Amino acid sequence: VYAAEQIRREVELTKQAGIPVVVSMGDVAASGGYWISMNADRI
């Protein structure tokens, strides 16, 4: 969980910097995989 949260925070900071963030899910993006994806501008 904490490792996933570290990544999610960087996604959020990137958006705050004015850079659009889009997530592309592959075969599986579940649980912690969804955790790091949820803050994107579009999934």
PDB file of all heavy atoms in Angstrom:
ATOM      1  N   VAL A   1       0.823  -1.215   0.000  1.00  0.00           N
ATOM      2  CA  VAL A   1       0.000   0.000   0.000  1.00  0.00           C
ATOM      3  C   VAL A   1       0.856   1.264   0.000  1.00  0.00           C
ATOM      4  O   VAL A   1       0.619   2.187  -0.777  1.00  0.00           O
ATOM      5  CB  VAL A   1      -0.960  -0.014   1.208  1.00  0.00           C
ATOM      6  CG1 VAL A   1      -1.560   1.377   1.437  1.00  0.00           C
ATOM      7  CG2 VAL A   1      -2.069  -1.025   0.982  1.00  0.00           C
ATOM      8  N   TYR A   2       1.852   1.323   0.877  1.00  0.00           N
ATOM      9  CA  TYR A   2       2.627   2.567   0.970  1.00  0.00           C
ATOM     10  C   TYR A   2       3.394   2.836  -0.319  1.00  0.00           C
ATOM     11  O   TYR A   2       3.498   3.983  -0.770  1.00  0.00           O
ATOM     12  CB  TYR A   2       3.606   2.525   2.152  1.00  0.00           C
ATOM     13  CG  TYR A   2       4.416   3.795   2.273  1.00  0.00           C
ATOM     14  CD1 TYR A   2       3.805   4.998   2.625  1.00  0.00           C
ATOM     15  CD2 TYR A   2       5.781   3.810   2.013  1.00  0.00           C
ATOM     16  CE1 TYR A   2       4.534   6.174   2.713  1.00  0.00           C
ATOM     17  CE2 TYR A   2       6.517   4.977   2.097  1.00  0.00           C
ATOM     18  CZ  TYR A   2       5.889   6.154   2.446  1.00  0.00           C
ATOM     19  OH  TYR A   2       6.615   7.324   2.524  1.00  0.00           O
ATOM     20  N   ALA A   3       3.919   1.782  -0.940  1.00  0.00           N
ATOM     21  CA  ALA A   3       4.631   1.964  -2.205  1.00  0.00           C
ATOM     22  C   ALA A   3       3.688   2.506  -3.276  1.00  0.00           C
ATOM     23  O   ALA A   3       4.059   3.381  -4.067  1.00  0.00           O
ATOM     24  CB  ALA A   3       5.246   0.638  -2.658  1.00  0.00           C
ATOM     25  N   ALA A   4       2.447   1.988  -3.304  1.00  0.00           N
ATOM     26  CA  ALA A   4       1.461   2.491  -4.261  1.00  0.00           C
ATOM     27  C   ALA A   4       1.138   3.953  -3.986  1.00  0.00           C
ATOM     28  O   ALA A   4       0.985   4.757  -4.912  1.00  0.00           O
ATOM     29  CB  ALA A   4       0.197   1.640  -4.191  1.00  0.00           C
ATOM     30  N   GLU A   5       1.061   4.313  -2.717  1.00  0.00           N
ATOM     31  CA  GLU A   5       0.756   5.703  -2.360  1.00  0.00           C
ATOM     32  C   GLU A   5       1.889   6.641  -2.781  1.00  0.00           C
ATOM     33  O   GLU A   5       1.634   7.782  -3.211  1.00  0.00           O
ATOM     34  CB  GLU A   5       0.492   5.801  -0.857  1.00  0.00           C
ATOM     35  CG  GLU A   5       0.262   7.212  -0.340  1.00  0.00           C
ATOM     36  CD  GLU A   5      -0.964   7.896  -0.915  1.00  0.00           C
ATOM     37  OE1 GLU A   5      -1.756   7.241  -1.608  1.00  0.00           O
ATOM     38  OE2 GLU A   5      -1.129   9.115  -0.669  1.00  0.00           O
ATOM     39  N   GLN A   6       3.119   6.197  -2.684  1.00  0.00           N
ATOM     40  CA  GLN A   6       4.242   7.028  -3.149  1.00  0.00           C
ATOM     41  C   GLN A   6       4.087   7.370  -4.630  1.00  0.00           C
ATOM     42  O   GLN A   6       4.339   8.511  -5.049  1.00  0.00           O
ATOM     43  CB  GLN A   6       5.565   6.280  -2.924  1.00  0.00           C
ATOM     44  CG  GLN A   6       6.021   6.195  -1.482  1.00  0.00           C
ATOM     45  CD  GLN A   6       7.314   5.416  -1.352  1.00  0.00           C
ATOM     46  OE1 GLN A   6       7.345   4.197  -1.564  1.00  0.00           O
ATOM     47  NE2 GLN A   6       8.387   6.094  -1.017  1.00  0.00           N
ATOM     48  N   ILE A   7       3.669   6.395  -5.398  1.00  0.00           N
ATOM     49  CA  ILE A   7       3.513   6.612  -6.838  1.00  0.00           C
ATOM     50  C   ILE A   7       2.314   7.510  -7.113  1.00  0.00           C
ATOM     51  O   ILE A   7       2.374   8.424  -7.946  1.00  0.00           O
ATOM     52  CB  ILE A   7       3.370   5.250  -7.548  1.00  0.00           C
ATOM     53  CG1 ILE A   7       4.638   4.423  -7.344  1.00  0.00           C
ATOM     54  CG2 ILE A   7       3.082   5.435  -9.040  1.00  0.00           C
ATOM     55  CD1 ILE A   7       4.504   2.965  -7.738  1.00  0.00           C
ATOM     56  N   ARG A   8       1.204   7.265  -6.418  1.00  0.00           N
ATOM     57  CA  ARG A   8       0.000   8.087  -6.612  1.00  0.00           C
ATOM     58  C   ARG A   8       0.279   9.554  -6.326  1.00  0.00           C
ATOM     59  O   ARG A   8      -0.194  10.450  -7.041  1.00  0.00           O
ATOM     60  CB  ARG A   8      -1.130   7.578  -5.707  1.00  0.00           C
ATOM     61  CG  ARG A   8      -2.472   8.274  -5.945  1.00  0.00           C
ATOM     62  CD  ARG A   8      -3.407   8.128  -4.766  1.00  0.00           C
ATOM     63  NE  ARG A   8      -2.950   8.878  -3.604  1.00  0.00           N
ATOM     64  CZ  ARG A   8      -3.166  10.189  -3.422  1.00  0.00           C
ATOM     65  NH1 ARG A   8      -3.804  10.898  -4.333  1.00  0.00           N
ATOM     66  NH2 ARG A   8      -2.717  10.785  -2.337  1.00  0.00           N
ATOM     67  N   ARG A   9       1.047   9.829  -5.288  1.00  0.00           N
ATOM     68  CA  ARG A   9       1.359  11.224  -4.940  1.00  0.00           C
ATOM     69  C   ARG A   9       2.123  11.917  -6.059  1.00  0.00           C
ATOM     70  O   ARG A   9       1.904  13.112  -6.332  1.00  0.00           O
ATOM     71  CB  ARG A   9       2.163  11.256  -3.642  1.00  0.00           C
ATOM     72  CG  ARG A   9       1.355  10.877  -2.408  1.00  0.00           C
ATOM     73  CD  ARG A   9       2.245  10.739  -1.176  1.00  0.00           C
ATOM     74  NE  ARG A   9       1.503  10.280  -0.006  1.00  0.00           N
ATOM     75  CZ  ARG A   9       2.053   9.946   1.152  1.00  0.00           C
ATOM     76  NH1 ARG A   9       3.372  10.036   1.309  1.00  0.00           N
ATOM     77  NH2 ARG A   9       1.294   9.532   2.161  1.00  0.00           N
ATOM     78  N   GLU A  10       3.022  11.180  -6.733  1.00  0.00           N
ATOM     79  CA  GLU A  10       3.772  11.777  -7.840  1.00  0.00           C
ATOM     80  C   GLU A  10       2.857  12.081  -9.022  1.00  0.00           C
ATOM     81  O   GLU A  10       3.047  13.074  -9.729  1.00  0.00           O
ATOM     82  CB  GLU A  10       4.912  10.855  -8.273  1.00  0.00           C
ATOM     83  CG  GLU A  10       6.053  10.761  -7.276  1.00  0.00           C
ATOM     84  CD  GLU A  10       6.772  12.079  -7.046  1.00  0.00           C
ATOM     85  OE1 GLU A  10       6.781  12.926  -7.971  1.00  0.00           O
ATOM     86  OE2 GLU A  10       7.308  12.275  -5.947  1.00  0.00           O
ATOM     87  N   VAL A  11       1.864  11.222  -9.239  1.00  0.00           N
ATOM     88  CA  VAL A  11       0.880  11.488 -10.293  1.00  0.00           C
ATOM     89  C   VAL A  11       0.117  12.772  -9.977  1.00  0.00           C
ATOM     90  O   VAL A  11      -0.078  13.636 -10.848  1.00  0.00           O
ATOM     91  CB  VAL A  11      -0.102  10.303 -10.439  1.00  0.00           C
ATOM     92  CG1 VAL A  11      -1.266  10.664 -11.355  1.00  0.00           C
ATOM     93  CG2 VAL A  11       0.632   9.075 -10.971  1.00  0.00           C
ATOM     94  N   GLU A  12      -0.292  12.914  -8.731  1.00  0.00           N
ATOM     95  CA  GLU A  12      -1.033  14.099  -8.313  1.00  0.00           C
ATOM     96  C   GLU A  12      -0.173  15.357  -8.444  1.00  0.00           C
ATOM     97  O   GLU A  12      -0.642  16.406  -8.913  1.00  0.00           O
ATOM     98  CB  GLU A  12      -1.512  13.913  -6.870  1.00  0.00           C
ATOM     99  CG  GLU A  12      -2.618  14.866  -6.468  1.00  0.00           C
ATOM    100  CD  GLU A  12      -3.271  14.462  -5.162  1.00  0.00           C
ATOM    101  OE1 GLU A  12      -2.541  14.004  -4.247  1.00  0.00           O
ATOM    102  OE2 GLU A  12      -4.492  14.584  -5.047  1.00  0.00           O
ATOM    103  N   LEU A  13       1.091  15.266  -8.059  1.00  0.00           N
ATOM    104  CA  LEU A  13       1.991  16.420  -8.175  1.00  0.00           C
ATOM    105  C   LEU A  13       2.216  16.801  -9.640  1.00  0.00           C
ATOM    106  O   LEU A  13       2.356  17.989  -9.965  1.00  0.00           O
ATOM    107  CB  LEU A  13       3.332  16.105  -7.506  1.00  0.00           C
ATOM    108  CG  LEU A  13       3.331  16.041  -5.976  1.00  0.00           C
ATOM    109  CD1 LEU A  13       4.679  15.532  -5.457  1.00  0.00           C
ATOM    110  CD2 LEU A  13       3.024  17.415  -5.386  1.00  0.00           C
ATOM    111  N   THR A  14       2.249  15.814 -10.514  1.00  0.00           N
ATOM    112  CA  THR A  14       2.427  16.089 -11.938  1.00  0.00           C
ATOM    113  C   THR A  14       1.228  16.860 -12.487  1.00  0.00           C
ATOM    114  O   THR A  14       1.385  17.803 -13.274  1.00  0.00           O
ATOM    115  CB  THR A  14       2.620  14.773 -12.716  1.00  0.00           C
ATOM    116  OG1 THR A  14       3.756  14.084 -12.175  1.00  0.00           O
ATOM    117  CG2 THR A  14       2.854  15.033 -14.192  1.00  0.00           C
ATOM    118  N   LYS A  15       0.044  16.472 -12.081  1.00  0.00           N
ATOM    119  CA  LYS A  15      -1.154  17.220 -12.487  1.00  0.00           C
ATOM    120  C   LYS A  15      -1.125  18.649 -11.947  1.00  0.00           C
ATOM    121  O   LYS A  15      -1.457  19.599 -12.666  1.00  0.00           O
ATOM    122  CB  LYS A  15      -2.406  16.502 -11.987  1.00  0.00           C
ATOM    123  CG  LYS A  15      -2.757  15.224 -12.745  1.00  0.00           C
ATOM    124  CD  LYS A  15      -3.978  14.559 -12.151  1.00  0.00           C
ATOM    125  CE  LYS A  15      -5.194  15.473 -12.136  1.00  0.00           C
ATOM    126  NZ  LYS A  15      -6.383  14.826 -11.556  1.00  0.00           N
ATOM    127  N   GLN A  16      -0.703  18.783 -10.694  1.00  0.00           N
ATOM    128  CA  GLN A  16      -0.640  20.120 -10.090  1.00  0.00           C
ATOM    129  C   GLN A  16       0.373  21.010 -10.802  1.00  0.00           C
ATOM    130  O   GLN A  16       0.251  22.238 -10.775  1.00  0.00           O
ATOM    131  CB  GLN A  16      -0.291  20.000  -8.615  1.00  0.00           C
ATOM    132  CG  GLN A  16      -1.380  19.361  -7.765  1.00  0.00           C
ATOM    133  CD  GLN A  16      -0.960  19.123  -6.322  1.00  0.00           C
ATOM    134  OE1 GLN A  16       0.134  19.535  -5.902  1.00  0.00           O
ATOM    135  NE2 GLN A  16      -1.802  18.460  -5.553  1.00  0.00           N
ATOM    136  N   ALA A  17       1.366  20.380 -11.458  1.00  0.00           N
ATOM    137  CA  ALA A  17       2.363  21.130 -12.207  1.00  0.00           C
ATOM    138  C   ALA A  17       1.847  21.568 -13.572  1.00  0.00           C
ATOM    139  O   ALA A  17       2.579  22.183 -14.355  1.00  0.00           O
ATOM    140  CB  ALA A  17       3.632  20.301 -12.373  1.00  0.00           C
ATOM    141  N   GLY A  18       0.598  21.247 -13.874  1.00  0.00           N
ATOM    142  CA  GLY A  18       0.004  21.662 -15.139  1.00  0.00           C
ATOM    143  C   GLY A  18       0.262  20.698 -16.290  1.00  0.00           C
ATOM    144  O   GLY A  18       0.019  21.044 -17.453  1.00  0.00           O
ATOM    145  N   ILE A  19       0.728  19.507 -15.984  1.00  0.00           N
ATOM    146  CA  ILE A  19       1.013  18.514 -17.017  1.00  0.00           C
ATOM    147  C   ILE A  19      -0.135  17.499 -17.039  1.00  0.00           C
ATOM    148  O   ILE A  19      -0.417  16.863 -16.021  1.00  0.00           O
ATOM    149  CB  ILE A  19       2.340  17.789 -16.742  1.00  0.00           C
ATOM    150  CG1 ILE A  19       3.499  18.785 -16.771  1.00  0.00           C
ATOM    151  CG2 ILE A  19       2.579  16.666 -17.756  1.00  0.00           C
ATOM    152  CD1 ILE A  19       4.826  18.188 -16.367  1.00  0.00           C
ATOM    153  N   PRO A  20      -0.817  17.334 -18.171  1.00  0.00           N
ATOM    154  CA  PRO A  20      -1.900  16.352 -18.242  1.00  0.00           C
ATOM    155  C   PRO A  20      -1.372  14.942 -18.004  1.00  0.00           C
ATOM    156  O   PRO A  20      -0.295  14.579 -18.474  1.00  0.00           O
ATOM    157  CB  PRO A  20      -2.427  16.494 -19.677  1.00  0.00           C
ATOM    158  CG  PRO A  20      -1.929  17.817 -20.157  1.00  0.00           C
ATOM    159  CD  PRO A  20      -0.640  18.074 -19.439  1.00  0.00           C
ATOM    160  N   VAL A  21      -2.141  14.155 -17.262  1.00  0.00           N
ATOM    161  CA  VAL A  21      -1.766  12.765 -16.979  1.00  0.00           C
ATOM    162  C   VAL A  21      -2.903  11.854 -17.431  1.00  0.00           C
ATOM    163  O   VAL A  21      -4.050  12.021 -17.009  1.00  0.00           O
ATOM    164  CB  VAL A  21      -1.483  12.539 -15.481  1.00  0.00           C
ATOM    165  CG1 VAL A  21      -1.107  11.078 -15.236  1.00  0.00           C
ATOM    166  CG2 VAL A  21      -0.380  13.458 -14.988  1.00  0.00           C
ATOM    167  N   VAL A  22      -2.567  10.901 -18.278  1.00  0.00           N
ATOM    168  CA  VAL A  22      -3.542   9.922 -18.765  1.00  0.00           C
ATOM    169  C   VAL A  22      -3.018   8.535 -18.426  1.00  0.00           C
ATOM    170  O   VAL A  22      -1.837   8.251 -18.618  1.00  0.00           O
ATOM    171  CB  VAL A  22      -3.758  10.049 -20.287  1.00  0.00           C
ATOM    172  CG1 VAL A  22      -4.723   8.977 -20.786  1.00  0.00           C
ATOM    173  CG2 VAL A  22      -4.288  11.444 -20.632  1.00  0.00           C
ATOM    174  N   VAL A  23      -3.894   7.690 -17.912  1.00  0.00           N
ATOM    175  CA  VAL A  23      -3.519   6.314 -17.591  1.00  0.00           C
ATOM    176  C   VAL A  23      -4.029   5.383 -18.680  1.00  0.00           C
ATOM    177  O   VAL A  23      -5.170   5.506 -19.136  1.00  0.00           O
ATOM    178  CB  VAL A  23      -4.084   5.887 -16.214  1.00  0.00           C
ATOM    179  CG1 VAL A  23      -4.145   4.366 -16.093  1.00  0.00           C
ATOM    180  CG2 VAL A  23      -3.225   6.447 -15.092  1.00  0.00           C
ATOM    181  N   SER A  24      -3.160   4.463 -19.078  1.00  0.00           N
ATOM    182  CA  SER A  24      -3.536   3.395 -20.001  1.00  0.00           C
ATOM    183  C   SER A  24      -3.364   2.076 -19.257  1.00  0.00           C
ATOM    184  O   SER A  24      -2.259   1.718 -18.855  1.00  0.00           O
ATOM    185  CB  SER A  24      -2.646   3.416 -21.245  1.00  0.00           C
ATOM    186  OG  SER A  24      -2.854   2.261 -22.039  1.00  0.00           O
ATOM    187  N   MET A  25      -4.465   1.359 -19.060  1.00  0.00           N
ATOM    188  CA  MET A  25      -4.419   0.087 -18.346  1.00  0.00           C
ATOM    189  C   MET A  25      -4.138  -1.054 -19.320  1.00  0.00           C
ATOM    190  O   MET A  25      -4.732  -1.113 -20.398  1.00  0.00           O
ATOM    191  CB  MET A  25      -5.740  -0.161 -17.616  1.00  0.00           C
ATOM    192  CG  MET A  25      -6.010   0.792 -16.472  1.00  0.00           C
ATOM    193  SD  MET A  25      -7.595   0.420 -15.651  1.00  0.00           S
ATOM    194  CE  MET A  25      -7.443   1.448 -14.178  1.00  0.00           C
ATOM    195  N   GLY A  26      -3.246  -1.960 -18.917  1.00  0.00           N
ATOM    196  CA  GLY A  26      -2.913  -3.110 -19.737  1.00  0.00           C
ATOM    197  C   GLY A  26      -3.764  -4.311 -19.369  1.00  0.00           C
ATOM    198  O   GLY A  26      -4.978  -4.204 -19.190  1.00  0.00           O
ATOM    199  N   ASP A  27      -3.126  -5.473 -19.238  1.00  0.00           N
ATOM    200  CA  ASP A  27      -3.864  -6.691 -18.913  1.00  0.00           C
ATOM    201  C   ASP A  27      -4.571  -6.595 -17.577  1.00  0.00           C
ATOM    202  O   ASP A  27      -5.710  -7.042 -17.428  1.00  0.00           O
ATOM    203  CB  ASP A  27      -2.911  -7.896 -18.887  1.00  0.00           C
ATOM    204  CG  ASP A  27      -2.388  -8.252 -20.269  1.00  0.00           C
ATOM    205  OD1 ASP A  27      -3.116  -8.038 -21.255  1.00  0.00           O
ATOM    206  OD2 ASP A  27      -1.250  -8.739 -20.365  1.00  0.00           O
ATOM    207  N   VAL A  28      -3.894  -6.023 -16.589  1.00  0.00           N
ATOM    208  CA  VAL A  28      -4.470  -5.926 -15.256  1.00  0.00           C
ATOM    209  C   VAL A  28      -4.009  -4.634 -14.600  1.00  0.00           C
ATOM    210  O   VAL A  28      -2.835  -4.264 -14.676  1.00  0.00           O
ATOM    211  CB  VAL A  28      -4.100  -7.164 -14.393  1.00  0.00           C
ATOM    212  CG1 VAL A  28      -2.592  -7.327 -14.318  1.00  0.00           C
ATOM    213  CG2 VAL A  28      -4.675  -7.064 -12.994  1.00  0.00           C
ATOM    214  N   ALA A  29      -4.951  -3.937 -14.001  1.00  0.00           N
ATOM    215  CA  ALA A  29      -4.634  -2.737 -13.214  1.00  0.00           C
ATOM    216  C   ALA A  29      -5.606  -2.740 -12.046  1.00  0.00           C
ATOM    217  O   ALA A  29      -6.552  -1.947 -11.983  1.00  0.00           O
ATOM    218  CB  ALA A  29      -4.770  -1.470 -14.053  1.00  0.00           C
ATOM    219  N   ALA A  30      -5.391  -3.684 -11.136  1.00  0.00           N
ATOM    220  CA  ALA A  30      -6.341  -3.929 -10.061  1.00  0.00           C
ATOM    221  C   ALA A  30      -5.708  -3.654  -8.713  1.00  0.00           C
ATOM    222  O   ALA A  30      -4.491  -3.708  -8.549  1.00  0.00           O
ATOM    223  CB  ALA A  30      -6.831  -5.374 -10.124  1.00  0.00           C
ATOM    224  N   SER A  31      -6.557  -3.354  -7.746  1.00  0.00           N
ATOM    225  CA  SER A  31      -6.149  -3.097  -6.370  1.00  0.00           C
ATOM    226  C   SER A  31      -5.079  -2.000  -6.333  1.00  0.00           C
ATOM    227  O   SER A  31      -5.356  -0.853  -6.685  1.00  0.00           O
ATOM    228  CB  SER A  31      -5.681  -4.386  -5.699  1.00  0.00           C
ATOM    229  OG  SER A  31      -5.874  -4.320  -4.301  1.00  0.00           O
ATOM    230  N   GLY A  32      -3.827  -2.343  -5.961  1.00  0.00           N
ATOM    231  CA  GLY A  32      -2.789  -1.311  -5.969  1.00  0.00           C
ATOM    232  C   GLY A  32      -2.560  -0.737  -7.357  1.00  0.00           C
ATOM    233  O   GLY A  32      -2.148   0.415  -7.508  1.00  0.00           O
ATOM    234  N   GLY A  33      -2.816  -1.547  -8.398  1.00  0.00           N
ATOM    235  CA  GLY A  33      -2.716  -1.041  -9.761  1.00  0.00           C
ATOM    236  C   GLY A  33      -3.745   0.039 -10.040  1.00  0.00           C
ATOM    237  O   GLY A  33      -3.478   0.994 -10.779  1.00  0.00           O
ATOM    238  N   TYR A  34      -4.929  -0.106  -9.448  1.00  0.00           N
ATOM    239  CA  TYR A  34      -5.934   0.959  -9.572  1.00  0.00           C
ATOM    240  C   TYR A  34      -5.570   2.140  -8.681  1.00  0.00           C
ATOM    241  O   TYR A  34      -5.819   3.304  -9.025  1.00  0.00           O
ATOM    242  CB  TYR A  34      -7.333   0.442  -9.221  1.00  0.00           C
ATOM    243  CG  TYR A  34      -8.413   1.440  -9.599  1.00  0.00           C
ATOM    244  CD1 TYR A  34      -8.937   1.460 -10.881  1.00  0.00           C
ATOM    245  CD2 TYR A  34      -8.885   2.385  -8.684  1.00  0.00           C
ATOM    246  CE1 TYR A  34      -9.891   2.395 -11.247  1.00  0.00           C
ATOM    247  CE2 TYR A  34      -9.834   3.317  -9.032  1.00  0.00           C
ATOM    248  CZ  TYR A  34     -10.338   3.315 -10.327  1.00  0.00           C
ATOM    249  OH  TYR A  34     -11.265   4.265 -10.690  1.00  0.00           O
ATOM    250  N   TRP A  35      -4.982   1.852  -7.536  1.00  0.00           N
ATOM    251  CA  TRP A  35      -4.574   2.912  -6.601  1.00  0.00           C
ATOM    252  C   TRP A  35      -3.682   3.932  -7.309  1.00  0.00           C
ATOM    253  O   TRP A  35      -3.869   5.138  -7.160  1.00  0.00           O
ATOM    254  CB  TRP A  35      -3.842   2.270  -5.429  1.00  0.00           C
ATOM    255  CG  TRP A  35      -3.514   3.170  -4.264  1.00  0.00           C
ATOM    256  CD1 TRP A  35      -2.795   4.347  -4.300  1.00  0.00           C
ATOM    257  CD2 TRP A  35      -3.882   2.981  -2.892  1.00  0.00           C
ATOM    258  NE1 TRP A  35      -2.677   4.880  -3.051  1.00  0.00           N
ATOM    259  CE2 TRP A  35      -3.346   4.073  -2.158  1.00  0.00           C
ATOM    260  CE3 TRP A  35      -4.583   1.997  -2.222  1.00  0.00           C
ATOM    261  CZ2 TRP A  35      -3.509   4.187  -0.782  1.00  0.00           C
ATOM    262  CZ3 TRP A  35      -4.742   2.120  -0.844  1.00  0.00           C
ATOM    263  CH2 TRP A  35      -4.218   3.206  -0.139  1.00  0.00           C
ATOM    264  N   ILE A  36      -2.696   3.455  -8.063  1.00  0.00           N
ATOM    265  CA  ILE A  36      -1.762   4.386  -8.706  1.00  0.00           C
ATOM    266  C   ILE A  36      -2.368   5.036  -9.951  1.00  0.00           C
ATOM    267  O   ILE A  36      -1.791   5.982 -10.497  1.00  0.00           O
ATOM    268  CB  ILE A  36      -0.433   3.691  -9.074  1.00  0.00           C
ATOM    269  CG1 ILE A  36      -0.632   2.640 -10.166  1.00  0.00           C
ATOM    270  CG2 ILE A  36       0.203   3.058  -7.844  1.00  0.00           C
ATOM    271  CD1 ILE A  36       0.656   1.967 -10.608  1.00  0.00           C
ATOM    272  N   SER A  37      -3.544   4.557 -10.371  1.00  0.00           N
ATOM    273  CA  SER A  37      -4.172   5.068 -11.592  1.00  0.00           C
ATOM    274  C   SER A  37      -5.238   6.123 -11.328  1.00  0.00           C
ATOM    275  O   SER A  37      -5.537   6.946 -12.202  1.00  0.00           O
ATOM    276  CB  SER A  37      -4.828   3.913 -12.371  1.00  0.00           C
ATOM    277  OG  SER A  37      -3.917   2.890 -12.669  1.00  0.00           O
ATOM    278  N   MET A  38      -5.842   6.099 -10.150  1.00  0.00           N
ATOM    279  CA  MET A  38      -7.110   6.793  -9.941  1.00  0.00           C
ATOM    280  C   MET A  38      -7.061   8.303 -10.118  1.00  0.00           C
ATOM    281  O   MET A  38      -8.075   8.922 -10.430  1.00  0.00           O
ATOM    282  CB  MET A  38      -7.657   6.457  -8.551  1.00  0.00           C
ATOM    283  CG  MET A  38      -6.775   6.870  -7.383  1.00  0.00           C
ATOM    284  SD  MET A  38      -7.604   6.510  -5.816  1.00  0.00           S
ATOM    285  CE  MET A  38      -6.250   6.102  -4.754  1.00  0.00           C
ATOM    286  N   ASN A  39      -5.917   8.937  -9.951  1.00  0.00           N
ATOM    287  CA  ASN A  39      -5.857  10.397 -10.002  1.00  0.00           C
ATOM    288  C   ASN A  39      -5.575  10.966 -11.391  1.00  0.00           C
ATOM    289  O   ASN A  39      -5.394  12.176 -11.547  1.00  0.00           O
ATOM    290  CB  ASN A  39      -4.819  10.932  -9.020  1.00  0.00           C
ATOM    291  CG  ASN A  39      -5.309  10.907  -7.586  1.00  0.00           C
ATOM    292  OD1 ASN A  39      -4.991  10.000  -6.834  1.00  0.00           O
ATOM    293  ND2 ASN A  39      -6.127  11.890  -7.213  1.00  0.00           N
ATOM    294  N   ALA A  40      -5.539  10.130 -12.402  1.00  0.00           N
ATOM    295  CA  ALA A  40      -5.272  10.617 -13.756  1.00  0.00           C
ATOM    296  C   ALA A  40      -6.415  11.486 -14.263  1.00  0.00           C
ATOM    297  O   ALA A  40      -7.555  11.376 -13.801  1.00  0.00           O
ATOM    298  CB  ALA A  40      -5.053   9.435 -14.700  1.00  0.00           C
ATOM    299  N   ASP A  41      -6.107  12.340 -15.227  1.00  0.00           N
ATOM    300  CA  ASP A  41      -7.149  13.149 -15.860  1.00  0.00           C
ATOM    301  C   ASP A  41      -8.139  12.274 -16.619  1.00  0.00           C
ATOM    302  O   ASP A  41      -9.320  12.602 -16.721  1.00  0.00           O
ATOM    303  CB  ASP A  41      -6.521  14.156 -16.831  1.00  0.00           C
ATOM    304  CG  ASP A  41      -5.712  15.221 -16.105  1.00  0.00           C
ATOM    305  OD1 ASP A  41      -6.308  15.996 -15.341  1.00  0.00           O
ATOM    306  OD2 ASP A  41      -4.480  15.266 -16.298  1.00  0.00           O
ATOM    307  N   ARG A  42      -7.635  11.173 -17.165  1.00  0.00           N
ATOM    308  CA  ARG A  42      -8.498  10.241 -17.889  1.00  0.00           C
ATOM    309  C   ARG A  42      -7.883   8.846 -17.820  1.00  0.00           C
ATOM    310  O   ARG A  42      -6.659   8.692 -17.868  1.00  0.00           O
ATOM    311  CB  ARG A  42      -8.678  10.669 -19.343  1.00  0.00           C
ATOM    312  CG  ARG A  42      -9.865  10.003 -20.040  1.00  0.00           C
ATOM    313  CD  ARG A  42     -10.279  10.786 -21.273  1.00  0.00           C
ATOM    314  NE  ARG A  42     -11.501  10.273 -21.878  1.00  0.00           N
ATOM    315  CZ  ARG A  42     -12.728  10.573 -21.462  1.00  0.00           C
ATOM    316  NH1 ARG A  42     -12.890  11.358 -20.412  1.00  0.00           N
ATOM    317  NH2 ARG A  42     -13.796  10.088 -22.078  1.00  0.00           N
ATOM    318  N   ILE A  43      -8.745   7.833 -17.697  1.00  0.00           N
ATOM    319  CA  ILE A  43      -8.289   6.454 -17.597  1.00  0.00           C
ATOM    320  C   ILE A  43      -8.838   5.663 -18.773  1.00  0.00           C
ATOM    321  O   ILE A  43     -10.056   5.612 -18.995  1.00  0.00           O
ATOM    322  CB  ILE A  43      -8.751   5.801 -16.282  1.00  0.00           C
ATOM    323  CG1 ILE A  43      -8.181   6.553 -15.069  1.00  0.00           C
ATOM    324  CG2 ILE A  43      -8.322   4.337 -16.230  1.00  0.00           C
ATOM    325  CD1 ILE A  43      -8.678   6.022 -13.731  1.00  0.00           C
TER     326      ILE A  43
END
